[in-house]
Protein backbone atom coordinates (compact mmCIF):
# COMPACT_ATOMS: atom_id res chain seq x y z
CA MET A 1 -44.58 -40.43 -66.68
CA SER A 2 -44.16 -44.43 -66.29
CA ARG A 3 -43.93 -43.38 -62.09
CA ARG A 4 -45.75 -41.78 -59.69
CA LEU A 5 -43.95 -39.27 -57.39
CA PRO A 6 -44.34 -39.25 -53.52
CA PRO A 7 -46.46 -36.55 -52.49
CA GLY A 8 -45.21 -33.37 -51.81
CA LEU A 9 -41.98 -34.14 -53.42
CA ARG A 10 -41.28 -31.46 -55.92
CA PRO A 11 -39.64 -32.96 -58.96
CA THR A 12 -36.63 -30.18 -59.62
CA ARG A 13 -33.20 -30.19 -60.11
CA ILE A 14 -32.55 -28.22 -56.22
CA GLU A 15 -34.39 -30.32 -54.49
CA LEU A 16 -32.77 -33.89 -56.18
CA GLN A 17 -29.37 -32.42 -54.77
CA LYS A 18 -30.85 -31.95 -50.86
CA VAL A 19 -32.05 -35.40 -51.61
CA ARG A 20 -28.92 -37.02 -52.30
CA ARG A 21 -26.78 -34.75 -49.52
CA ARG A 22 -29.45 -36.19 -46.99
CA LEU A 23 -28.61 -39.66 -48.53
CA VAL A 24 -24.50 -38.72 -47.75
CA THR A 25 -25.09 -38.43 -44.77
CA ALA A 26 -27.56 -41.00 -43.60
CA GLU A 27 -25.18 -43.82 -44.80
CA LYS A 28 -22.49 -41.94 -42.89
CA GLY A 29 -24.36 -41.85 -40.38
CA HIS A 30 -25.37 -45.92 -40.86
CA GLU A 31 -21.26 -46.36 -40.07
CA LEU A 32 -20.52 -44.28 -37.21
CA LEU A 33 -24.17 -46.66 -36.11
CA ARG A 34 -22.55 -49.63 -37.51
CA GLU A 35 -18.94 -49.03 -36.38
CA LYS A 36 -20.38 -48.20 -32.34
CA LEU A 37 -22.44 -51.03 -32.45
CA ASP A 38 -19.92 -53.47 -33.11
CA ALA A 39 -17.58 -51.87 -30.34
CA MET A 40 -20.55 -52.40 -28.06
CA VAL A 41 -21.35 -55.32 -28.66
CA MET A 42 -17.57 -55.79 -27.75
CA GLU A 43 -17.49 -53.81 -24.81
CA PHE A 44 -20.84 -56.65 -23.74
CA PHE A 45 -18.78 -59.43 -24.10
CA SER A 46 -15.75 -58.03 -22.37
CA LEU A 47 -18.60 -57.41 -19.63
CA THR A 48 -20.37 -60.74 -19.63
CA LYS A 49 -16.36 -62.71 -19.91
CA ARG A 50 -15.35 -60.48 -16.62
CA ARG A 51 -18.70 -61.00 -14.67
CA ASP A 52 -18.73 -64.87 -15.20
CA GLU A 53 -15.17 -64.46 -13.94
CA MET A 54 -16.04 -62.74 -10.67
CA ARG A 55 -19.13 -64.81 -9.87
CA ARG A 56 -17.12 -67.72 -9.88
CA ARG A 57 -14.20 -66.15 -7.33
CA MET A 58 -17.77 -64.89 -5.03
CA GLU A 59 -19.10 -68.04 -4.78
CA GLU A 60 -15.57 -69.78 -3.95
CA ALA A 61 -15.15 -66.73 -1.43
CA PHE A 62 -18.68 -67.69 -0.06
CA ALA A 63 -18.29 -71.65 0.21
CA ALA A 64 -14.32 -71.16 1.76
CA ALA A 65 -15.98 -68.47 4.59
CA TYR A 66 -18.82 -70.91 5.16
CA PRO A 67 -16.74 -73.82 6.88
CA ALA A 68 -13.91 -71.48 7.64
CA LEU A 69 -16.93 -69.44 10.12
CA MET A 70 -17.94 -73.55 11.22
CA GLU A 71 -14.35 -74.32 12.48
CA ALA A 72 -13.96 -71.13 14.55
CA GLU A 73 -16.85 -72.29 16.35
CA MET A 74 -15.75 -75.65 16.76
CA ALA A 75 -12.27 -73.88 18.16
CA GLY A 76 -13.98 -71.44 20.41
CA SER A 77 -17.84 -71.24 21.31
CA ARG A 78 -20.96 -70.63 18.75
CA ARG A 79 -21.18 -67.14 21.01
CA GLU A 80 -17.74 -66.38 21.37
CA VAL A 81 -18.93 -66.14 17.65
CA GLU A 82 -21.61 -64.37 18.01
CA SER A 83 -20.21 -61.86 20.38
CA ALA A 84 -17.53 -61.11 17.87
CA ALA A 85 -19.56 -60.12 14.82
CA ALA A 86 -21.98 -58.27 17.44
CA ILE A 87 -18.95 -55.66 18.19
CA GLU A 88 -16.87 -56.38 14.59
CA ARG A 89 -17.27 -52.65 12.83
CA THR A 90 -20.37 -52.74 10.27
CA ILE A 91 -19.48 -51.92 6.88
CA PRO A 92 -19.86 -48.52 6.24
CA ASP A 93 -22.02 -47.20 3.84
CA ILE A 94 -20.46 -47.10 0.25
CA PRO A 95 -20.68 -44.04 -2.06
CA ALA A 96 -22.92 -44.34 -5.78
CA THR A 97 -20.39 -43.27 -8.38
CA GLY A 98 -20.86 -42.78 -12.17
CA LYS A 99 -18.34 -43.49 -15.50
CA GLY A 100 -19.69 -44.01 -18.94
CA ILE A 101 -18.92 -47.45 -20.90
CA MET A 102 -18.88 -46.66 -24.48
CA GLY A 103 -20.83 -43.10 -24.23
CA VAL A 104 -23.53 -44.99 -20.78
CA GLY A 105 -23.61 -44.05 -18.18
CA ILE A 106 -22.42 -46.57 -15.58
CA PRO A 107 -23.26 -46.36 -11.41
CA ALA A 108 -20.26 -47.69 -9.75
CA PHE A 109 -19.00 -47.86 -6.30
CA ALA A 110 -16.15 -46.91 -4.12
CA ILE A 111 -15.29 -49.32 -2.60
CA PRO A 112 -12.59 -48.74 0.06
CA GLU A 113 -9.26 -51.11 0.96
CA PRO A 114 -10.37 -52.82 3.53
CA LEU A 115 -13.87 -53.20 2.97
CA ARG A 116 -13.82 -52.64 6.98
CA PRO A 117 -11.46 -51.05 9.08
CA GLY A 118 -9.91 -53.46 10.92
CA LYS A 119 -11.92 -54.66 14.61
CA MET A 120 -13.41 -53.16 17.77
CA PRO A 121 -11.17 -53.63 20.42
CA GLY A 122 -12.05 -55.99 23.49
CA TYR A 123 -13.47 -59.40 21.58
CA GLY A 124 -12.20 -61.36 24.93
CA LEU A 125 -11.33 -65.00 24.03
CA ALA A 126 -12.69 -64.76 20.42
CA ALA A 127 -10.25 -62.23 19.66
CA GLY A 128 -7.49 -64.61 19.75
CA ASN A 129 -8.98 -67.24 17.31
CA GLY A 130 -6.92 -67.26 14.63
CA ARG A 131 -9.91 -69.52 12.35
CA LEU A 132 -12.94 -66.94 13.23
CA ASP A 133 -10.51 -63.74 11.77
CA ALA A 134 -10.22 -66.02 8.40
CA ALA A 135 -13.64 -66.50 8.30
CA SER A 136 -14.17 -62.40 8.85
CA ASP A 137 -11.85 -61.74 6.58
CA LEU A 138 -13.37 -64.61 3.54
CA ALA A 139 -16.30 -63.01 4.59
CA LEU A 140 -15.55 -59.59 3.60
CA GLU A 141 -13.55 -60.35 0.32
CA ALA A 142 -16.96 -62.49 -0.91
CA VAL A 143 -19.34 -59.56 -0.11
CA ALA A 144 -16.67 -56.50 -1.99
CA LEU A 145 -16.81 -59.26 -4.82
CA ALA A 146 -20.66 -58.99 -4.64
CA ILE A 147 -20.71 -55.33 -4.92
CA ARG A 148 -18.45 -55.31 -7.66
CA LEU A 149 -20.23 -58.37 -9.15
CA SER A 150 -23.16 -56.26 -8.86
CA GLU A 151 -21.85 -53.01 -10.74
CA VAL A 152 -20.39 -55.27 -13.33
CA GLU A 153 -24.07 -56.69 -14.15
CA GLY A 154 -25.47 -52.99 -13.97
CA ALA A 155 -23.32 -51.96 -16.43
CA ILE A 156 -24.26 -55.50 -18.90
CA LEU A 157 -27.96 -53.97 -18.65
CA ARG A 158 -27.40 -50.49 -19.52
CA LEU A 159 -25.04 -51.19 -22.12
CA SER A 160 -27.73 -54.00 -23.41
CA SER A 161 -30.00 -51.33 -23.37
CA ARG A 162 -27.75 -49.34 -25.40
CA ILE A 163 -26.80 -51.92 -27.65
CA THR A 164 -30.85 -52.57 -28.52
CA SER A 165 -31.27 -48.67 -29.17
CA VAL A 166 -28.85 -48.30 -31.32
CA ARG A 167 -29.37 -51.70 -33.93
CA ARG A 168 -32.89 -50.39 -33.92
CA ARG A 169 -31.40 -46.85 -35.47
CA THR A 170 -28.80 -48.24 -37.95
CA ASN A 171 -31.70 -51.22 -38.52
CA ALA A 172 -34.45 -47.92 -39.72
CA LEU A 173 -31.37 -46.34 -41.55
CA ASP A 174 -30.48 -49.19 -43.58
CA SER A 175 -33.76 -51.08 -44.23
CA ILE A 176 -36.24 -47.81 -44.52
CA LEU A 177 -34.51 -44.47 -44.30
CA ILE A 178 -31.75 -45.21 -47.39
CA PRO A 179 -33.58 -47.02 -48.85
CA ARG A 180 -36.57 -44.82 -49.34
CA LEU A 181 -34.31 -41.67 -50.05
CA LYS A 182 -32.64 -43.58 -53.25
CA GLY A 183 -36.28 -44.67 -54.67
CA ILE A 184 -36.83 -40.64 -54.37
CA ILE A 185 -33.47 -39.99 -56.41
CA VAL A 186 -34.22 -42.88 -58.98
CA TYR A 187 -38.13 -40.95 -59.13
CA ILE A 188 -36.98 -37.01 -59.15
CA SER A 189 -33.91 -38.23 -61.66
CA ASP A 190 -36.30 -40.66 -63.94
CA TYR A 191 -38.83 -37.59 -63.88
CA LEU A 192 -35.90 -35.03 -64.52
CA GLU A 193 -34.37 -37.19 -67.03
CA GLU A 194 -38.57 -37.94 -69.39
CA GLN A 195 -38.85 -33.85 -68.82
CA GLU A 196 -35.74 -33.56 -70.97
CA ARG A 197 -36.58 -36.15 -73.60
CA GLU A 198 -39.71 -34.00 -74.07
CA ASP A 199 -38.51 -30.64 -73.96
CA LEU A 200 -35.55 -31.96 -76.43
CA PHE A 201 -38.23 -33.99 -78.92
CA ARG A 202 -40.68 -30.17 -78.79
CA ARG A 203 -37.95 -28.13 -79.24
CA LYS A 204 -37.15 -30.73 -82.53
CA ARG A 205 -40.84 -30.29 -83.13
CA THR A 206 -40.43 -26.99 -83.69
CA LYS A 207 -37.29 -26.45 -85.41
CA SER A 208 -39.16 -28.80 -88.28
CA ARG A 209 -42.33 -26.60 -88.65
CA GLY A 210 -40.84 -23.85 -88.88
CA GLU A 211 -38.06 -25.17 -91.09
CA GLU A 212 -41.63 -26.23 -93.47
CA ARG A 213 -43.52 -22.96 -93.07
CA ARG A 214 -39.80 -21.32 -95.34
CA TRP A 215 -40.24 -23.33 -97.94
């Protein structure tokens, strides 16, 4: 034979059918993985766009909260602001839940609305400070955005990891398994064709010798 068969390969028609079925399965799997990869990449870019927008809004909220706090101190006093902050309700624990994006498990946070349920009574003079209320609202908005931002960034990290995994599997099918299966099919097909030619040649030679003997 002009070619060497891979070790352990049985050059039979049954084996050829098995390998062809494996090739069909591998090609279908490759197509599905490619579609999934494309969808995941689109979702990834959508999330990065959302992250950038949320980061911008968060930075703007923090940037607005700081001068509002300075104005509140100027309208009252630093001690009044610190006293009001000390008796404010703390932000409650935020339970973590989970959701799926393209089959990827993503952590999510159940952020209450509003983030902090009002103010404790007993502000004294600071309670009537509208600037302090405005600063508090801006700070809470910034904190809520920061929590949402961390959720989106977590989704991006996990989705990026899954994209890498799916791309690796897709490339393995495309550059390793599918070419190898195609090569095996060629090996077996060539082997069987050569066997058929040799069998045909032997039959013709046997027939020719039989005719010579009759003469």
